[in-house]
Protein backbone atom coordinates (compact mmCIF):
# COMPACT_ATOMS: atom_id res chain seq x y z
CA MET A 1 98.99 187.92 173.66
CA LEU A 2 97.23 183.93 171.90
CA ASP A 3 99.37 181.15 173.97
CA THR A 4 100.46 178.57 171.11
CA THR A 5 101.90 175.60 173.23
CA GLU A 6 99.79 172.68 173.14
CA PRO A 7 99.91 170.79 176.34
CA PRO A 8 101.99 167.06 175.90
CA LEU A 9 99.77 163.73 174.15
CA LEU A 10 98.69 161.75 176.92
CA ALA A 11 99.02 158.53 175.21
CA THR A 12 102.39 157.87 173.94
CA GLY A 13 104.47 154.76 173.06
CA ARG A 14 107.13 153.45 173.71
CA THR A 15 110.18 153.16 171.51
CA TRP A 16 111.60 149.88 171.24
CA GLN A 17 114.95 150.83 173.60
CA GLU A 18 112.15 150.84 175.96
CA MET A 19 110.94 147.46 175.49
CA PRO A 20 113.59 144.92 176.77
CA VAL A 21 113.20 141.42 176.44
CA GLY A 22 110.85 140.27 179.56
CA LEU A 23 108.68 143.63 179.51
CA ALA A 24 105.02 141.97 180.10
CA PHE A 25 101.79 143.41 180.88
CA ARG A 26 97.68 142.41 180.04
CA THR A 27 95.42 144.15 177.92
CA PRO A 28 91.81 144.76 179.05
CA GLY A 29 89.38 142.39 177.71
CA ARG A 30 86.91 142.93 175.89
CA THR A 31 83.30 140.57 175.22
CA MET A 32 82.78 139.15 171.87
CA THR A 33 79.21 139.55 170.77
CA GLU A 34 76.87 137.90 167.95
CA THR A 35 76.97 141.29 166.70
CA ASP A 36 80.42 141.46 166.76
CA LEU A 37 80.20 138.28 164.77
CA ILE A 38 78.19 139.27 162.46
CA SER A 39 79.34 142.63 161.50
CA PHE A 40 82.82 140.44 161.25
CA LEU A 41 81.05 137.81 159.12
CA GLY A 42 79.90 140.50 156.37
CA LEU A 43 82.55 142.45 156.47
CA SER A 44 84.95 139.55 155.73
CA LEU A 45 82.83 137.25 153.76
CA TYR A 46 83.31 134.61 155.69
CA THR A 47 79.86 132.16 154.30
CA GLU A 48 81.32 129.17 156.29
CA PRO A 49 78.16 127.10 157.88
CA LEU A 50 79.99 126.74 160.63
CA PHE A 51 79.96 130.77 162.13
CA LEU A 52 76.37 131.30 159.83
CA GLU A 53 74.58 128.69 160.63
CA ALA A 54 74.16 127.19 164.93
CA ASP A 55 73.36 124.05 163.93
CA HIS A 56 75.87 123.35 161.51
CA ALA A 57 78.68 124.35 164.43
CA ALA A 58 76.58 122.37 167.22
CA GLU A 59 76.71 119.32 164.72
CA GLY A 60 80.53 119.18 164.52
CA GLY A 61 80.84 119.44 168.73
CA TYR A 62 80.71 122.99 169.48
CA THR A 63 78.84 123.97 172.08
CA GLY A 64 77.88 127.85 170.87
CA ARG A 65 78.10 130.37 168.45
CA LEU A 66 81.79 129.99 167.40
CA ILE A 67 83.87 133.17 167.17
CA PRO A 68 86.16 132.73 163.56
CA GLY A 69 89.76 133.30 164.65
CA GLY A 70 90.38 135.49 162.35
CA LEU A 71 88.56 138.24 164.50
CA THR A 72 90.01 137.21 167.79
CA PHE A 73 93.12 137.64 166.06
CA ILE A 74 92.00 141.36 165.31
CA VAL A 75 89.92 141.84 168.74
CA ALA A 76 93.16 140.68 170.26
CA GLU A 77 95.51 143.25 168.40
CA GLY A 78 93.03 145.94 168.29
CA LEU A 79 93.17 145.56 173.02
CA VAL A 80 97.58 145.89 172.65
CA GLN A 81 96.50 149.48 170.72
CA GLN A 82 94.48 150.43 173.11
CA THR A 83 97.04 150.04 176.37
CA ASN A 84 99.04 152.63 173.73
CA VAL A 85 101.85 150.59 173.73
CA LEU A 86 102.84 151.47 170.41
CA HIS A 87 101.40 154.44 169.97
CA GLY A 88 103.13 157.21 167.88
CA THR A 89 105.86 154.46 167.78
CA GLY A 90 104.86 151.88 165.92
CA LEU A 91 106.29 151.19 162.13
CA ALA A 92 104.71 148.07 160.73
CA PHE A 93 104.05 144.71 161.72
CA MET A 94 106.35 142.90 159.75
CA HIS A 95 105.96 138.86 160.77
CA SER A 96 104.14 136.74 162.65
CA ASP A 97 102.67 133.05 163.88
CA LEU A 98 99.34 132.20 165.12
CA ASP A 99 97.92 128.89 167.12
CA ILE A 100 94.55 128.45 167.69
CA ARG A 101 94.58 126.20 170.98
CA LYS A 102 90.42 126.55 171.57
CA PRO A 103 87.60 128.23 170.03
CA VAL A 104 86.31 131.18 170.89
CA TYR A 105 82.58 131.66 171.51
CA VAL A 106 79.97 134.42 171.15
CA GLY A 107 79.57 135.87 175.23
CA ASP A 108 83.37 134.66 176.10
CA THR A 109 85.60 137.78 176.90
CA ILE A 110 89.68 137.84 175.74
CA HIS A 111 92.37 139.40 177.13
CA VAL A 112 96.03 138.87 176.26
CA THR A 113 99.43 139.12 178.71
CA VAL A 114 102.38 140.38 176.15
CA GLU A 115 105.66 139.30 176.69
CA VAL A 116 108.79 140.93 174.98
CA THR A 117 111.04 137.99 173.84
CA GLU A 118 112.67 140.15 171.34
CA SER A 119 114.21 143.45 172.04
CA ARG A 120 117.41 145.12 168.91
CA ALA A 121 119.02 148.17 166.67
CA SER A 122 117.45 147.36 163.39
CA SER A 123 119.72 147.65 160.42
CA ARG A 124 118.32 151.14 160.19
CA PRO A 125 118.92 153.88 162.49
CA GLY A 126 116.19 155.52 164.54
CA ARG A 127 114.24 151.89 164.72
CA GLY A 128 114.38 148.57 166.21
CA VAL A 129 112.78 145.16 165.74
CA VAL A 130 110.57 143.76 168.89
CA ALA A 131 108.96 140.34 169.57
CA THR A 132 106.80 139.12 171.61
CA ARG A 133 104.47 136.20 172.65
CA ASN A 134 101.06 137.50 172.75
CA LEU A 135 98.57 134.98 174.28
CA VAL A 136 94.78 135.33 174.38
CA ARG A 137 93.00 134.28 177.06
CA ASN A 138 89.04 134.15 177.70
CA GLN A 139 87.64 134.25 180.85
CA ARG A 140 88.64 131.25 182.21
CA SER A 141 92.42 132.14 181.80
CA GLU A 142 92.43 129.28 179.37
CA PRO A 143 94.04 129.87 176.71
CA VAL A 144 92.45 130.38 173.01
CA MET A 145 95.46 131.62 170.50
CA GLU A 146 99.05 132.55 170.70
CA TYR A 147 100.70 134.48 168.22
CA ASN A 148 104.13 136.06 167.99
CA PRO A 149 104.52 139.26 166.27
CA VAL A 150 107.58 140.80 165.01
CA ARG A 151 107.32 144.17 164.39
CA LEU A 152 109.01 147.52 163.73
CA ILE A 153 109.05 150.65 166.71
CA ARG A 154 110.96 153.61 166.20
CA GLY A 155 113.82 154.22 169.12
CA ASP A 156 114.89 157.36 171.29
CA ASP A 157 116.80 158.60 168.14
CA PHE A 158 114.20 157.89 165.61
CA GLY A 159 114.58 161.74 162.81
């Protein structure tokens, strides 16, 4: 007889009810590389000399190869996704503001601390709205970026 039962998923995200205000966690780190920079510049069509020419950046007072804020944000979001906190439960990225505090350079290692600042039922059953404060820090624990996403998350009674 063929066993048709499936083992449970190893990674399942949290419902909005499992994300109360005050819940906090930290992602693993990720070192930003020259390959990351060049790949992002090619994909995004960022042709700004600030990111393409080390001498141009140095003339602006920067001390290394600059990582665009857009790339820092994308990697930070990827680090959050790797925690699986939203795996299968995230429904929409609804809004965010973003504040770049310090430059990120090739060779810097970033991680994200996430703290839930709002968690409530949405106007539609089975869903909730969760807001977080996401603080991106470098290897020296210096804040380099803060963004505050508001997401639509499945509820316990999603159907």
